[in-house]
Amino acid sequence: VSLDDLLVHSVRVLRRPSRTDRFGQPLSVNPRQGPEDTSGTAYPCRLTRGRGGLTMDERSVDVFQVTHTLFLALGAGIEEDDAVRVTDPTTDAVLLPLAKVLIKSTASDARGSHHLELTVQAQRGPQ
């Protein structure tokens, strides 16, 4: 089984606009601010079931926070400050509505770099 056979989901990258203020800081600090961006690049991936649950920290009352892992082929253009949305390409079902990339790492074996692993975190609040 090849890596491509295991990448059964699709991830769309949502990136903040590249505009900066006079100090060089991004004008938008969150890719999900503003109108829904559907123009992001999509890559084949595999989403694993997440872990987490209800958090009660300072101002996050009744917030559910779940951490997932995404597996992608090398060269996928996703960075640690991006947001992602994962779907099932065969049914168009949304598997992960929106998550922020926390950690991007390259997994290696004895022959060198093998694939990318992204730790992503999704949150949802009170209904």
C-alpha atoms as a PDB file:
ATOM      1  CA  VAL A   1       0.000   0.000   0.000  1.00  0.00           C
ATOM      2  CA  SER A   2       1.413   3.371  -1.001  1.00  0.00           C
ATOM      3  CA  LEU A   3       1.026   6.630   0.884  1.00  0.00           C
ATOM      4  CA  ASP A   4      -1.248   7.975  -1.864  1.00  0.00           C
ATOM      5  CA  ASP A   5      -3.669   5.072  -1.252  1.00  0.00           C
ATOM      6  CA  LEU A   6      -3.942   6.061   2.417  1.00  0.00           C
ATOM      7  CA  LEU A   7      -4.698   9.749   1.782  1.00  0.00           C
ATOM      8  CA  VAL A   8      -8.467   9.346   1.395  1.00  0.00           C
ATOM      9  CA  HIS A   9      -9.614  12.797   2.552  1.00  0.00           C
ATOM     10  CA  SER A  10      -9.130  16.306   1.170  1.00  0.00           C
ATOM     11  CA  VAL A  11      -7.820  19.332   3.089  1.00  0.00           C
ATOM     12  CA  ARG A  12      -8.390  22.911   1.955  1.00  0.00           C
ATOM     13  CA  VAL A  13      -5.931  25.550   3.172  1.00  0.00           C
ATOM     14  CA  LEU A  14      -7.296  28.878   4.428  1.00  0.00           C
ATOM     15  CA  ARG A  15      -4.550  31.475   4.658  1.00  0.00           C
ATOM     16  CA  ARG A  16      -4.733  34.976   6.065  1.00  0.00           C
ATOM     17  CA  PRO A  17      -4.311  37.785   3.543  1.00  0.00           C
ATOM     18  CA  SER A  18      -0.712  38.883   3.050  1.00  0.00           C
ATOM     19  CA  ARG A  19      -1.449  42.571   3.722  1.00  0.00           C
ATOM     20  CA  THR A  20       0.536  44.048   6.610  1.00  0.00           C
ATOM     21  CA  ASP A  21       0.390  47.194   8.681  1.00  0.00           C
ATOM     22  CA  ARG A  22       3.138  49.835   8.903  1.00  0.00           C
ATOM     23  CA  PHE A  23       5.022  47.630  11.403  1.00  0.00           C
ATOM     24  CA  GLY A  24       4.969  44.580   9.126  1.00  0.00           C
ATOM     25  CA  GLN A  25       2.348  42.749  11.208  1.00  0.00           C
ATOM     26  CA  PRO A  26      -0.543  40.949   9.437  1.00  0.00           C
ATOM     27  CA  LEU A  27      -3.731  43.026   9.234  1.00  0.00           C
ATOM     28  CA  SER A  28      -5.806  39.877   9.669  1.00  0.00           C
ATOM     29  CA  VAL A  29      -4.663  37.706  12.565  1.00  0.00           C
ATOM     30  CA  ASN A  30      -7.012  34.850  11.765  1.00  0.00           C
ATOM     31  CA  PRO A  31      -7.680  33.221   8.369  1.00  0.00           C
ATOM     32  CA  ARG A  32     -11.368  32.814   9.190  1.00  0.00           C
ATOM     33  CA  GLN A  33     -12.029  36.527   9.634  1.00  0.00           C
ATOM     34  CA  GLY A  34     -14.036  38.143   6.872  1.00  0.00           C
ATOM     35  CA  PRO A  35     -16.003  36.423   4.105  1.00  0.00           C
ATOM     36  CA  GLU A  36     -15.732  32.655   3.741  1.00  0.00           C
ATOM     37  CA  ASP A  37     -12.655  31.834   1.663  1.00  0.00           C
ATOM     38  CA  THR A  38     -13.257  28.927  -0.695  1.00  0.00           C
ATOM     39  CA  SER A  39     -10.289  29.627  -2.944  1.00  0.00           C
ATOM     40  CA  GLY A  40      -7.647  27.874  -0.835  1.00  0.00           C
ATOM     41  CA  THR A  41      -5.539  25.105  -2.297  1.00  0.00           C
ATOM     42  CA  ALA A  42      -6.684  21.517  -1.641  1.00  0.00           C
ATOM     43  CA  TYR A  43      -4.437  18.517  -0.981  1.00  0.00           C
ATOM     44  CA  PRO A  44      -5.097  14.815  -0.404  1.00  0.00           C
ATOM     45  CA  CYS A  45      -4.755  13.943   3.281  1.00  0.00           C
ATOM     46  CA  ARG A  46      -5.843  11.557   5.997  1.00  0.00           C
ATOM     47  CA  LEU A  47      -7.572  12.847   9.118  1.00  0.00           C
ATOM     48  CA  THR A  48      -7.350  10.857  12.333  1.00  0.00           C
ATOM     49  CA  ARG A  49      -9.965  10.861  15.055  1.00  0.00           C
ATOM     50  CA  GLY A  50      -9.265  13.654  17.520  1.00  0.00           C
ATOM     51  CA  ARG A  51      -8.832  13.766  21.277  1.00  0.00           C
ATOM     52  CA  GLY A  52     -10.054  16.416  23.631  1.00  0.00           C
ATOM     53  CA  GLY A  53     -13.291  17.713  25.011  1.00  0.00           C
ATOM     54  CA  LEU A  54     -14.805  20.409  27.159  1.00  0.00           C
ATOM     55  CA  THR A  55     -12.460  23.138  28.389  1.00  0.00           C
ATOM     56  CA  MET A  56     -13.176  25.580  31.185  1.00  0.00           C
ATOM     57  CA  ASP A  57     -10.195  27.960  31.063  1.00  0.00           C
ATOM     58  CA  GLU A  58     -10.512  31.614  32.043  1.00  0.00           C
ATOM     59  CA  ARG A  59     -12.867  33.000  29.376  1.00  0.00           C
ATOM     60  CA  SER A  60     -13.484  29.761  27.456  1.00  0.00           C
ATOM     61  CA  VAL A  61     -16.654  28.554  29.126  1.00  0.00           C
ATOM     62  CA  ASP A  62     -18.338  25.547  27.534  1.00  0.00           C
ATOM     63  CA  VAL A  63     -15.798  25.450  24.700  1.00  0.00           C
ATOM     64  CA  PHE A  64     -15.044  22.078  23.144  1.00  0.00           C
ATOM     65  CA  GLN A  65     -11.463  21.774  21.946  1.00  0.00           C
ATOM     66  CA  VAL A  66     -10.317  18.758  19.942  1.00  0.00           C
ATOM     67  CA  THR A  67      -6.833  18.003  18.595  1.00  0.00           C
ATOM     68  CA  HIS A  68      -6.521  15.963  15.382  1.00  0.00           C
ATOM     69  CA  THR A  69      -3.621  14.750  13.262  1.00  0.00           C
ATOM     70  CA  LEU A  70      -3.475  15.204   9.491  1.00  0.00           C
ATOM     71  CA  PHE A  71      -1.153  13.153   7.299  1.00  0.00           C
ATOM     72  CA  LEU A  72      -0.104  14.601   3.930  1.00  0.00           C
ATOM     73  CA  ALA A  73       2.408  13.967   1.182  1.00  0.00           C
ATOM     74  CA  LEU A  74       5.666  15.913   1.263  1.00  0.00           C
ATOM     75  CA  GLY A  75       5.459  19.274  -0.442  1.00  0.00           C
ATOM     76  CA  ALA A  76       1.909  20.176   0.605  1.00  0.00           C
ATOM     77  CA  GLY A  77       1.806  23.948   1.010  1.00  0.00           C
ATOM     78  CA  ILE A  78       0.425  24.232   4.523  1.00  0.00           C
ATOM     79  CA  GLU A  79       2.099  26.381   7.154  1.00  0.00           C
ATOM     80  CA  GLU A  80       1.755  26.587  10.922  1.00  0.00           C
ATOM     81  CA  ASP A  81      -0.286  29.801  10.842  1.00  0.00           C
ATOM     82  CA  ASP A  82      -2.890  28.474   8.381  1.00  0.00           C
ATOM     83  CA  ALA A  83      -6.372  27.188   9.029  1.00  0.00           C
ATOM     84  CA  VAL A  84      -7.687  24.024   7.352  1.00  0.00           C
ATOM     85  CA  ARG A  85     -11.010  22.413   6.472  1.00  0.00           C
ATOM     86  CA  VAL A  86     -11.191  18.653   5.803  1.00  0.00           C
ATOM     87  CA  THR A  87     -13.780  16.938   3.611  1.00  0.00           C
ATOM     88  CA  ASP A  88     -14.488  13.486   2.217  1.00  0.00           C
ATOM     89  CA  PRO A  89     -13.971  13.926  -1.547  1.00  0.00           C
ATOM     90  CA  THR A  90     -16.338  11.102  -2.464  1.00  0.00           C
ATOM     91  CA  THR A  91     -19.357  12.479  -0.569  1.00  0.00           C
ATOM     92  CA  ASP A  92     -18.381  16.156  -0.010  1.00  0.00           C
ATOM     93  CA  ALA A  93     -19.146  15.605   3.686  1.00  0.00           C
ATOM     94  CA  VAL A  94     -17.314  18.031   5.968  1.00  0.00           C
ATOM     95  CA  LEU A  95     -15.210  15.988   8.391  1.00  0.00           C
ATOM     96  CA  LEU A  96     -13.528  18.934  10.106  1.00  0.00           C
ATOM     97  CA  PRO A  97     -15.239  22.302   9.606  1.00  0.00           C
ATOM     98  CA  LEU A  98     -12.310  24.513  10.608  1.00  0.00           C
ATOM     99  CA  ALA A  99      -9.107  23.929  12.526  1.00  0.00           C
ATOM    100  CA  LYS A 100      -5.884  25.822  13.163  1.00  0.00           C
ATOM    101  CA  VAL A 101      -2.515  24.242  12.460  1.00  0.00           C
ATOM    102  CA  LEU A 102      -0.514  23.994  15.686  1.00  0.00           C
ATOM    103  CA  ILE A 103       2.515  21.921  14.650  1.00  0.00           C
ATOM    104  CA  LYS A 104       3.898  20.903  11.261  1.00  0.00           C
ATOM    105  CA  SER A 105       6.511  18.159  11.220  1.00  0.00           C
ATOM    106  CA  THR A 106       8.164  15.893   8.682  1.00  0.00           C
ATOM    107  CA  ALA A 107       8.140  12.178   9.449  1.00  0.00           C
ATOM    108  CA  SER A 108      11.182  10.241   8.262  1.00  0.00           C
ATOM    109  CA  ASP A 109      12.263   6.641   7.928  1.00  0.00           C
ATOM    110  CA  ALA A 110      15.624   5.017   7.176  1.00  0.00           C
ATOM    111  CA  ARG A 111      15.462   6.290   3.573  1.00  0.00           C
ATOM    112  CA  GLY A 112      14.765   9.934   4.485  1.00  0.00           C
ATOM    113  CA  SER A 113      11.713  12.166   4.650  1.00  0.00           C
ATOM    114  CA  HIS A 114       8.454  10.257   4.156  1.00  0.00           C
ATOM    115  CA  HIS A 115       5.368  12.429   4.821  1.00  0.00           C
ATOM    116  CA  LEU A 116       4.057  15.481   6.686  1.00  0.00           C
ATOM    117  CA  GLU A 117       2.172  15.282   9.969  1.00  0.00           C
ATOM    118  CA  LEU A 118       0.128  18.272  11.111  1.00  0.00           C
ATOM    119  CA  THR A 119      -1.344  18.660  14.561  1.00  0.00           C
ATOM    120  CA  VAL A 120      -4.515  20.718  14.174  1.00  0.00           C
ATOM    121  CA  GLN A 121      -6.938  22.019  16.758  1.00  0.00           C
ATOM    122  CA  ALA A 122     -10.654  22.676  16.315  1.00  0.00           C
ATOM    123  CA  GLN A 123     -12.880  24.570  18.713  1.00  0.00           C
ATOM    124  CA  ARG A 124     -16.617  25.019  18.980  1.00  0.00           C
ATOM    125  CA  GLY A 125     -18.540  26.937  21.554  1.00  0.00           C
ATOM    126  CA  PRO A 126     -21.936  26.950  23.164  1.00  0.00           C
ATOM    127  CA  GLN A 127     -24.760  26.346  20.716  1.00  0.00           C
END
